[in-house]
Amino acid sequence: MKKKIAILLLSVMMFSFSACAPQKETKAEVSAQSNASVSADESKDEISYTKTAYPLSRNGVELHLDRTVANGTTPQKNILLTHGVTYSSHEFDVDYKDYSLVRFLARQGYAVWTLDIAGFGQSGEVADGFMPDSDYAAEDINAAVEKIVSESGIDKTDILGWSWGTVTASRFAAKHPEHINRLVLYAPILSGIGKYDVTEPFHHNDWEHAADDFQRTADGGFDYLITEPEMIEMFCSSCWHYDKEHSPNGGRRDICVDKSEKLIELSKITVPTLVICGSSDPYLNFELVNASVNELPEGSELKVIDGGAHVIMYEKPYYKEFQSKLSEFLGK
C-alpha cells in the first residue's frame, strides 16, 4: 500500500536502533522491559507489563498469538488487534513515551491480544506468499478468537483492525460474529486502492518502505511536527527486526484492485462498529468512509480526525484524540 521514497536517515537506523525491539520470546511469559507514560504531560509512572505467548496453529502453520496485561490488574475484557498488509503485530506496541496502543489499552483494563497472520512476523513461514489472502487471514483471526475465549473464559472479544486488518477483521466478523463484542475499523480499506498487478508472491521489505506512511513536508522530508523522529526510527527498527526482508503478498494482491471494487461488505457486520481514521489518509475512499455508518448496525459510529493520516496512532497532534475515542467507544 505504500509508494517507495528514498530516505537518507534510514541508512543509519539499523545500527542505532536495532536493539530497540525486544527479542522473540522463547518462553511463554516475559516481562516487558520498559515503563509506560501515562500522564498528559508525558511524565512516566512506573507501570510494568507481562506479555505471554500462547501456542496456536492452523493449517499446519504455527501462529504467533500473545497477550499483554498491565501488572497488578486482572482483566475481565479482551481485545484482539489485527495488523496490516506488510508488517506484523509489533507495530501496535512501539514502546516510546505513551504512544503504544497495546500498553494504552492494557492500562484501560484490557487483556490485549496480538496475532501475526500466517507468514508474517513471528508466525511460521509459508511456501506460497499468495496463500494468506484476506479470506485466509480471516480464518486465522477466527482461530485466535476461539483460543482467546478458551483461555480467558470470556465469551465476547473486542476486535480492532488497522489498514488491511480492517478487511480481514470485517470478513471474520461477517462470518463469525458469535464471539465479538465491538469492532473497530481503523483506517479502513473499504475499496481497492488502485489497480496494480501483484505478480510476486512475497513483498520485498526495506527501511524506506517501512517509513513511507509517515507524513512529510513539502520538500519531501519527514514532518517532525507530526511524528517524532525517535518514533519513526523505532518503528522502522521494529519492522526490520520482526518482519525482515519479505512478507506475503496475498493481501496486497487483494487490495491492489480498482478503486470502485468494494473490499468490505459493511451490511454483513452485525456488531456495533467504530470507523476511525485521519482526514489526510491517502489510502482511503472517503466517499465510502463518510457513508459507512448508514450500512452498519445500530450503535456504530464514525470518527474522522482532521489532519491525521494512516499512522494516526503514532502522530503527535492526533494520537491522544485517537486513544480517547477508542476508549469512549469500547467502554459503551
Foldseek 3Di string as FASTA:
>chain_A
DFDFDDDVVLVCLCPPALPQDPADDPAFKDKDDDFEQDDPVLDTDRKIKMKGWDWDDDPHKTKTKIWIAIPPADAPAEEEEAEADWAADCLQALRDRHLRNRVLVNVVRYGYMYIGFECHFPIGHDPFLQVPALQNSLVVVVRVLVVVCVVNVHQAHEYEYAYLGLLNVLNNQLVPVRRYAEYEYENHLFAAQAADDDDGQKDFDDLSRQLRFADDDPVGHGDCLWFPPVSSSSSSSVRCNGGNTIGGCNHVNVRNRHRVGTRHQQLSRAHAYEYEYEPPASRYDVVCLVCNVVNHDPLHYYYYHYPGYRVQSRTVVRNVVVSVVVSVSVVD
